[in-house]
Amino acid sequence: MTEARIPHIFVTGASRGIGAAALTALEAAGAKVCGHATEKSEKIAVGADLNKPGGGRRAWRAALGKLGGRIDVVVNNAGVYEALPLKTDEAEWLAQLKRTLRINLLASAEISRLAVLHFQEQGGGRIVNIASRAAYRGDSPDHWHYAASKGAMVAMTKTIARGYAAENILAFAICPGFTMTGMADDYLESRGGEKLLADIPLGRVAQPEEIASMIAYCALEAPASMTGAVLDANGASFVR
């Protein structure tokens, strides 16, 4: 594999869970990968707070620099899953709603826009958006802001796929159910893990490595005709 053929991939939210597993899987497949998190670390080359205005743009530009001016695939994985009870003070409720939308949706949209513009210049590329089962099934009453952000991400993915397929710009969405990551652990415990597992015919939640294998497939192997596809990974807890 020559340097010119090595895929350059940018993964947001790569410090733990699905994002960290995706870094490992993509590197094992031979890609050159740049990971993002709020703070830089030994394994994370790009630090940017996606909750701040322009955070997505700063993350993209930093990744482009780290990857030598070429990005072939973007994996929008960064997200938050925070409870927001209905009776929360109105100002706080709105602030938390906006925070979830900024991180889960607006930053991904900002990065996707820059990616499409970049891909148009270089003859194509791929976007892999990590949405959620909640995009279709909904979520708990304390997480409707999360479900809304992920539903919008799926709609954005389909729109990108339909709008730019002729330019070899492909887009895929992956919708995991509960996955054993730090973001979901506390929720599983608080809601009663056994009760939630009873709702999953497979009898367990997904492992990050399982979702990472799907990311690697969409990023590197999925045929162009699959563009616009939304892939489920929820142990048959919600089937469409």
Protein backbone atom coordinates (compact mmCIF):
# COMPACT_ATOMS: atom_id res chain seq x y z
CA MET A 1 0.00 0.00 0.00
CA THR A 2 1.52 3.27 -1.09
CA GLU A 3 1.12 6.52 0.85
CA ALA A 4 -1.10 7.94 -1.90
CA ARG A 5 -3.54 5.05 -1.45
CA ILE A 6 -3.69 5.08 2.31
CA PRO A 7 -7.09 6.43 3.36
CA HIS A 8 -6.90 9.50 5.60
CA ILE A 9 -9.69 9.37 8.18
CA PHE A 10 -10.86 11.88 10.77
CA VAL A 11 -12.82 10.52 13.76
CA THR A 12 -14.52 12.82 16.26
CA GLY A 13 -15.19 11.79 19.84
CA ALA A 14 -12.34 9.30 19.77
CA SER A 15 -11.13 9.31 23.37
CA ARG A 16 -13.24 6.37 24.54
CA GLY A 17 -16.00 3.95 23.68
CA ILE A 18 -17.04 3.65 20.04
CA GLY A 19 -14.64 6.35 18.87
CA ALA A 20 -11.60 4.76 20.49
CA ALA A 21 -12.58 1.36 19.11
CA ALA A 22 -13.00 2.92 15.67
CA LEU A 23 -9.47 4.36 15.81
CA THR A 24 -8.10 0.90 16.57
CA ALA A 25 -10.13 -0.81 13.85
CA LEU A 26 -9.31 1.73 11.17
CA GLU A 27 -5.61 1.75 11.98
CA ALA A 28 -5.59 -2.05 11.91
CA ALA A 29 -7.13 -1.84 8.42
CA GLY A 30 -4.20 0.28 7.26
CA ALA A 31 -5.73 3.75 7.35
CA LYS A 32 -4.02 6.88 8.60
CA VAL A 33 -6.32 8.12 11.33
CA CYS A 34 -6.62 11.39 13.23
CA GLY A 35 -8.71 11.33 16.39
CA HIS A 36 -10.52 14.21 18.07
CA ALA A 37 -11.65 14.88 21.63
CA THR A 38 -12.25 17.95 23.74
CA GLU A 39 -8.66 17.72 24.96
CA LYS A 40 -5.56 16.41 23.19
CA SER A 41 -3.76 13.36 24.54
CA GLU A 42 -1.12 10.85 23.49
CA LYS A 43 -3.58 9.16 21.12
CA ILE A 44 -5.76 12.16 20.32
CA ALA A 45 -4.16 14.62 17.91
CA VAL A 46 -6.98 17.17 17.74
CA GLY A 47 -8.51 18.92 20.73
CA ALA A 48 -11.60 21.08 20.22
CA ASP A 49 -14.68 21.80 22.30
CA LEU A 50 -17.65 21.15 20.01
CA ASN A 51 -19.95 22.92 22.45
CA LYS A 52 -18.34 26.23 21.54
CA PRO A 53 -19.24 28.19 18.40
CA GLY A 54 -16.92 27.22 15.57
CA GLY A 55 -15.72 24.10 17.39
CA GLY A 56 -16.45 21.87 14.41
CA ARG A 57 -14.55 24.17 12.06
CA ARG A 58 -11.55 24.28 14.37
CA ALA A 59 -11.55 20.50 14.70
CA TRP A 60 -11.75 20.04 10.90
CA ARG A 61 -8.92 22.47 10.17
CA ALA A 62 -6.68 20.91 12.79
CA ALA A 63 -7.35 17.42 11.44
CA LEU A 64 -6.68 18.57 7.89
CA GLY A 65 -3.30 19.85 9.03
CA LYS A 66 -2.48 16.63 10.86
CA LEU A 67 -3.41 14.56 7.82
CA GLY A 68 -1.32 16.49 5.33
CA GLY A 69 -4.12 18.48 3.74
CA ARG A 70 -6.19 15.49 2.65
CA ILE A 71 -9.13 13.80 4.36
CA ASP A 72 -10.92 10.96 2.62
CA VAL A 73 -13.38 9.91 5.31
CA VAL A 74 -15.04 11.68 8.22
CA VAL A 75 -16.58 9.75 11.10
CA ASN A 76 -18.89 12.01 13.12
CA ASN A 77 -19.02 10.12 16.39
CA ALA A 78 -18.78 12.82 19.08
CA GLY A 79 -21.89 13.13 21.19
CA VAL A 80 -23.38 13.55 24.63
CA TYR A 81 -26.19 11.60 26.30
CA GLU A 82 -27.32 13.59 29.30
CA ALA A 83 -30.61 13.33 31.18
CA LEU A 84 -32.80 16.42 31.09
CA PRO A 85 -35.94 16.03 33.24
CA LEU A 86 -39.01 17.88 32.00
CA LYS A 87 -39.37 19.85 35.24
CA THR A 88 -35.86 21.29 35.05
CA ASP A 89 -35.78 25.08 35.39
CA GLU A 90 -36.71 26.54 32.00
CA ALA A 91 -33.46 28.45 31.46
CA GLU A 92 -31.38 25.40 32.38
CA TRP A 93 -33.58 23.13 30.27
CA LEU A 94 -33.05 25.32 27.21
CA ALA A 95 -29.31 25.60 27.88
CA GLN A 96 -28.92 21.83 28.08
CA LEU A 97 -31.08 21.33 25.01
CA LYS A 98 -28.84 23.69 23.05
CA ARG A 99 -25.70 21.98 24.36
CA THR A 100 -26.89 18.58 23.12
CA LEU A 101 -27.89 19.97 19.73
CA ARG A 102 -24.59 21.84 19.34
CA ILE A 103 -22.45 18.79 20.08
CA ASN A 104 -24.55 16.02 18.56
CA LEU A 105 -25.90 17.79 15.49
CA LEU A 106 -24.55 21.26 14.71
CA ALA A 107 -20.86 20.34 15.00
CA SER A 108 -21.44 17.26 12.83
CA ALA A 109 -23.25 19.41 10.29
CA GLU A 110 -20.44 21.96 10.30
CA ILE A 111 -17.81 19.28 9.80
CA SER A 112 -19.91 17.55 7.13
CA ARG A 113 -20.27 20.79 5.19
CA LEU A 114 -16.52 21.35 5.21
CA ALA A 115 -15.98 17.72 4.28
CA VAL A 116 -18.32 17.93 1.28
CA LEU A 117 -16.57 21.07 0.03
CA HIS A 118 -13.20 19.33 0.46
CA PHE A 119 -14.43 16.15 -1.24
CA GLN A 120 -15.72 18.15 -4.19
CA GLU A 121 -12.20 19.44 -4.74
CA GLN A 122 -10.52 16.04 -4.48
CA GLY A 123 -13.03 13.94 -6.40
CA GLY A 124 -14.99 12.25 -3.63
CA GLY A 125 -15.01 11.02 -0.07
CA ARG A 126 -17.14 9.42 2.62
CA ILE A 127 -19.04 10.56 5.70
CA VAL A 128 -20.03 8.07 8.39
CA ASN A 129 -22.42 9.49 10.98
CA ILE A 130 -23.00 7.71 14.27
CA ALA A 131 -26.64 8.28 15.12
CA SER A 132 -28.75 6.10 17.43
CA ARG A 133 -31.66 3.73 17.69
CA ALA A 134 -33.37 6.72 19.32
CA ALA A 135 -33.57 8.40 15.90
CA TYR A 136 -36.36 5.95 15.03
CA ARG A 137 -37.64 4.50 18.29
CA GLY A 138 -37.34 7.63 20.42
CA ASP A 139 -35.86 7.57 23.92
CA SER A 140 -36.84 8.11 27.54
CA PRO A 141 -38.79 11.26 28.53
CA ASP A 142 -35.53 12.65 29.96
CA HIS A 143 -33.73 12.23 26.63
CA TRP A 144 -36.03 13.58 23.94
CA HIS A 145 -33.43 16.22 23.09
CA TYR A 146 -30.95 13.40 22.40
CA ALA A 147 -33.46 11.54 20.22
CA ALA A 148 -34.20 14.72 18.28
CA SER A 149 -30.51 15.34 17.61
CA LYS A 150 -29.99 11.82 16.30
CA GLY A 151 -33.13 11.86 14.17
CA ALA A 152 -31.86 15.03 12.54
CA MET A 153 -28.46 13.43 11.98
CA VAL A 154 -30.08 10.58 10.06
CA ALA A 155 -32.03 13.05 7.91
CA MET A 156 -28.84 15.01 7.26
CA THR A 157 -27.03 11.83 6.21
CA LYS A 158 -29.73 10.90 3.72
CA THR A 159 -29.76 14.41 2.30
CA ILE A 160 -25.99 14.40 1.78
CA ALA A 161 -26.19 11.00 0.12
CA ARG A 162 -28.93 12.08 -2.26
CA GLY A 163 -27.36 15.44 -3.03
CA TYR A 164 -23.78 14.46 -3.77
CA ALA A 165 -23.69 10.81 -4.88
CA ALA A 166 -23.01 11.88 -8.46
CA GLU A 167 -19.79 13.52 -7.23
CA ASN A 168 -18.62 10.31 -5.55
CA ILE A 169 -19.43 11.71 -2.11
CA LEU A 170 -21.01 8.93 -0.06
CA ALA A 171 -22.78 9.10 3.29
CA PHE A 172 -23.81 6.40 5.74
CA ALA A 173 -25.45 6.42 9.16
CA ILE A 174 -25.05 3.82 11.89
CA CYS A 175 -27.73 3.59 14.60
CA PRO A 176 -26.55 1.67 17.65
CA GLY A 177 -28.80 0.77 20.52
CA PHE A 178 -27.25 0.65 23.96
CA THR A 179 -23.52 0.14 23.67
CA MET A 180 -21.14 -0.58 26.54
CA THR A 181 -19.48 2.81 26.63
CA GLY A 182 -18.96 5.30 29.43
CA MET A 183 -21.82 7.40 28.07
CA ALA A 184 -24.42 4.65 28.57
CA ASP A 185 -23.12 2.82 31.65
CA ASP A 186 -24.64 5.15 34.24
CA TYR A 187 -27.96 5.18 32.42
CA LEU A 188 -28.12 1.40 32.28
CA GLU A 189 -27.46 1.24 36.01
CA SER A 190 -29.97 3.93 36.89
CA ARG A 191 -32.76 2.42 34.78
CA GLY A 192 -32.16 -1.14 35.92
CA GLY A 193 -29.91 -3.12 33.65
CA GLU A 194 -31.92 -6.36 33.83
CA LYS A 195 -35.13 -4.65 32.76
CA LEU A 196 -33.44 -3.00 29.82
CA LEU A 197 -31.74 -6.21 28.75
CA ALA A 198 -35.11 -7.96 28.77
CA ASP A 199 -36.11 -5.60 25.96
CA ILE A 200 -33.16 -6.74 23.82
CA PRO A 201 -33.78 -10.14 22.17
CA LEU A 202 -30.04 -10.67 21.82
CA GLY A 203 -29.80 -10.52 25.60
CA ARG A 204 -26.96 -8.03 25.81
CA VAL A 205 -25.92 -4.56 24.74
CA ALA A 206 -23.46 -4.02 21.90
CA GLN A 207 -19.72 -3.81 22.42
CA PRO A 208 -17.83 -0.81 21.01
CA GLU A 209 -15.77 -3.13 18.82
CA GLU A 210 -18.94 -4.32 17.07
CA ILE A 211 -19.92 -0.77 16.11
CA ALA A 212 -16.31 -0.03 15.15
CA SER A 213 -16.37 -2.93 12.67
CA MET A 214 -19.42 -1.35 11.03
CA ILE A 215 -17.67 2.02 10.90
CA ALA A 216 -14.63 0.46 9.25
CA TYR A 217 -16.83 -1.26 6.68
CA CYS A 218 -18.69 1.94 5.77
CA ALA A 219 -15.46 3.94 5.71
CA LEU A 220 -13.39 1.55 3.63
CA GLU A 221 -15.39 -1.21 1.95
CA ALA A 222 -19.07 -0.44 1.49
CA PRO A 223 -19.99 -0.25 -2.22
CA ALA A 224 -21.02 3.11 -3.60
CA SER A 225 -24.54 1.84 -4.19
CA MET A 226 -24.98 1.65 -0.41
CA THR A 227 -24.78 5.41 -0.01
CA GLY A 228 -27.67 6.72 2.07
CA ALA A 229 -27.96 3.48 4.01
CA VAL A 230 -28.83 3.54 7.71
CA LEU A 231 -27.48 0.50 9.53
CA ASP A 232 -29.01 -0.72 12.80
CA ALA A 233 -27.11 -2.42 15.63
CA ASN A 234 -29.48 -2.88 18.55
CA GLY A 235 -29.78 -6.59 19.19
CA ALA A 236 -33.23 -6.60 17.51
CA SER A 237 -34.65 -4.30 20.20
CA PHE A 238 -36.05 -2.18 17.39
CA VAL A 239 -36.52 -3.50 13.88
CA ARG A 240 -37.69 -1.48 10.88
